[in-house]
Amino acid sequence: MKKILLIGGLLLLLTGCNYEPIDLTYSYNKAVCNYDGDKFELHIDGWKDYTDGEQIQVKSGGKVYLISANKCYFIKEG
């Protein structure tokens, strides 16, 4: 019983530190974004979602873009 409580408490502590005990990774390979009326597409090498706000970070071609999730959507092609 003590082991279960210890493991449960440890999981609660880890999730409080923005750690995902269960991998909820989604796979996308293209982003379509609209920034001040300019529409552009990005090939996604990697991305991160910030849970505190509406920002997403997209890595594409060696560059990193920080974009509002309200102005960008992801597509899984193929």
C-alpha atoms as a PDB file:
ATOM      1  CA  MET A   1       0.000   0.000   0.000  1.00  0.00           C
ATOM      2  CA  LYS A   2       2.857   2.381   0.822  1.00  0.00           C
ATOM      3  CA  LYS A   3       4.457   1.684  -2.562  1.00  0.00           C
ATOM      4  CA  ILE A   4       1.252   2.628  -4.385  1.00  0.00           C
ATOM      5  CA  LEU A   5       0.968   5.886  -2.434  1.00  0.00           C
ATOM      6  CA  LEU A   6       4.638   6.658  -3.058  1.00  0.00           C
ATOM      7  CA  ILE A   7       4.319   6.038  -6.797  1.00  0.00           C
ATOM      8  CA  GLY A   8       1.095   8.057  -6.972  1.00  0.00           C
ATOM      9  CA  GLY A   9       2.695  10.957  -5.109  1.00  0.00           C
ATOM     10  CA  LEU A  10       5.741  10.827  -7.359  1.00  0.00           C
ATOM     11  CA  LEU A  11       3.540  10.977 -10.462  1.00  0.00           C
ATOM     12  CA  LEU A  12       1.691  13.981  -9.058  1.00  0.00           C
ATOM     13  CA  LEU A  13       4.986  15.754  -8.401  1.00  0.00           C
ATOM     14  CA  LEU A  14       6.266  15.000 -11.894  1.00  0.00           C
ATOM     15  CA  THR A  15       3.102  16.235 -13.584  1.00  0.00           C
ATOM     16  CA  GLY A  16       3.326  19.446 -11.568  1.00  0.00           C
ATOM     17  CA  CYS A  17       6.717  20.071 -13.193  1.00  0.00           C
ATOM     18  CA  ASN A  18       5.240  20.034 -16.715  1.00  0.00           C
ATOM     19  CA  TYR A  19       6.255  16.401 -17.224  1.00  0.00           C
ATOM     20  CA  GLU A  20       3.989  14.023 -19.103  1.00  0.00           C
ATOM     21  CA  PRO A  21       4.045  10.560 -17.534  1.00  0.00           C
ATOM     22  CA  ILE A  22       2.100   9.300 -20.560  1.00  0.00           C
ATOM     23  CA  ASP A  23       3.498  10.175 -23.995  1.00  0.00           C
ATOM     24  CA  LEU A  24       0.802  12.077 -25.875  1.00  0.00           C
ATOM     25  CA  THR A  25       2.898  12.904 -28.944  1.00  0.00           C
ATOM     26  CA  TYR A  26       0.997  13.737 -32.095  1.00  0.00           C
ATOM     27  CA  SER A  27       2.594  13.493 -35.523  1.00  0.00           C
ATOM     28  CA  TYR A  28       2.238  16.339 -38.038  1.00  0.00           C
ATOM     29  CA  ASN A  29       4.446  17.227 -40.983  1.00  0.00           C
ATOM     30  CA  LYS A  30       3.061  20.542 -42.272  1.00  0.00           C
ATOM     31  CA  ALA A  31       1.921  23.819 -40.692  1.00  0.00           C
ATOM     32  CA  VAL A  32      -0.140  26.505 -42.431  1.00  0.00           C
ATOM     33  CA  CYS A  33       0.152  29.863 -40.675  1.00  0.00           C
ATOM     34  CA  ASN A  34      -1.234  33.351 -41.143  1.00  0.00           C
ATOM     35  CA  TYR A  35       0.857  36.189 -39.732  1.00  0.00           C
ATOM     36  CA  ASP A  36      -0.485  39.720 -40.257  1.00  0.00           C
ATOM     37  CA  GLY A  37      -2.263  38.672 -43.454  1.00  0.00           C
ATOM     38  CA  ASP A  38       0.743  36.803 -44.884  1.00  0.00           C
ATOM     39  CA  LYS A  39      -0.086  33.119 -45.308  1.00  0.00           C
ATOM     40  CA  PHE A  40       2.880  30.721 -45.307  1.00  0.00           C
ATOM     41  CA  GLU A  41       3.515  26.992 -45.011  1.00  0.00           C
ATOM     42  CA  LEU A  42       6.208  25.275 -42.974  1.00  0.00           C
ATOM     43  CA  HIS A  43       7.547  21.732 -43.112  1.00  0.00           C
ATOM     44  CA  ILE A  44       7.547  20.617 -39.470  1.00  0.00           C
ATOM     45  CA  ASP A  45      10.763  19.108 -38.132  1.00  0.00           C
ATOM     46  CA  GLY A  46       9.499  19.360 -34.539  1.00  0.00           C
ATOM     47  CA  TRP A  47       6.996  21.290 -32.453  1.00  0.00           C
ATOM     48  CA  LYS A  48       6.039  22.087 -28.883  1.00  0.00           C
ATOM     49  CA  ASP A  49       2.757  23.258 -27.401  1.00  0.00           C
ATOM     50  CA  TYR A  50       2.830  25.668 -24.468  1.00  0.00           C
ATOM     51  CA  THR A  51      -0.054  24.868 -22.114  1.00  0.00           C
ATOM     52  CA  ASP A  52       0.088  28.202 -20.275  1.00  0.00           C
ATOM     53  CA  GLY A  53      -0.877  30.227 -23.353  1.00  0.00           C
ATOM     54  CA  GLU A  54      -1.885  29.796 -26.940  1.00  0.00           C
ATOM     55  CA  GLN A  55       1.655  29.734 -28.362  1.00  0.00           C
ATOM     56  CA  ILE A  56       3.198  26.904 -30.325  1.00  0.00           C
ATOM     57  CA  GLN A  57       6.854  26.547 -31.216  1.00  0.00           C
ATOM     58  CA  VAL A  58       7.567  25.098 -34.666  1.00  0.00           C
ATOM     59  CA  LYS A  59      11.016  23.956 -35.807  1.00  0.00           C
ATOM     60  CA  SER A  60      11.429  24.092 -39.575  1.00  0.00           C
ATOM     61  CA  GLY A  61      14.585  24.081 -41.692  1.00  0.00           C
ATOM     62  CA  GLY A  62      16.904  24.968 -38.821  1.00  0.00           C
ATOM     63  CA  LYS A  63      14.727  27.897 -37.715  1.00  0.00           C
ATOM     64  CA  VAL A  64      12.379  28.129 -34.732  1.00  0.00           C
ATOM     65  CA  TYR A  65       9.052  29.962 -35.004  1.00  0.00           C
ATOM     66  CA  LEU A  66       6.940  30.994 -32.021  1.00  0.00           C
ATOM     67  CA  ILE A  67       3.413  31.446 -33.366  1.00  0.00           C
ATOM     68  CA  SER A  68      -0.026  31.915 -31.882  1.00  0.00           C
ATOM     69  CA  ALA A  69      -2.045  28.713 -32.153  1.00  0.00           C
ATOM     70  CA  ASN A  70      -4.985  30.885 -33.215  1.00  0.00           C
ATOM     71  CA  LYS A  71      -3.128  31.780 -36.429  1.00  0.00           C
ATOM     72  CA  CYS A  72      -1.668  28.413 -37.355  1.00  0.00           C
ATOM     73  CA  TYR A  73      -2.919  24.881 -37.937  1.00  0.00           C
ATOM     74  CA  PHE A  74      -1.142  21.565 -38.452  1.00  0.00           C
ATOM     75  CA  ILE A  75      -1.712  18.972 -41.169  1.00  0.00           C
ATOM     76  CA  LYS A  76      -0.647  15.358 -41.361  1.00  0.00           C
ATOM     77  CA  GLU A  77      -0.060  14.457 -45.013  1.00  0.00           C
ATOM     78  CA  GLY A  78       0.634  11.045 -46.426  1.00  0.00           C
END
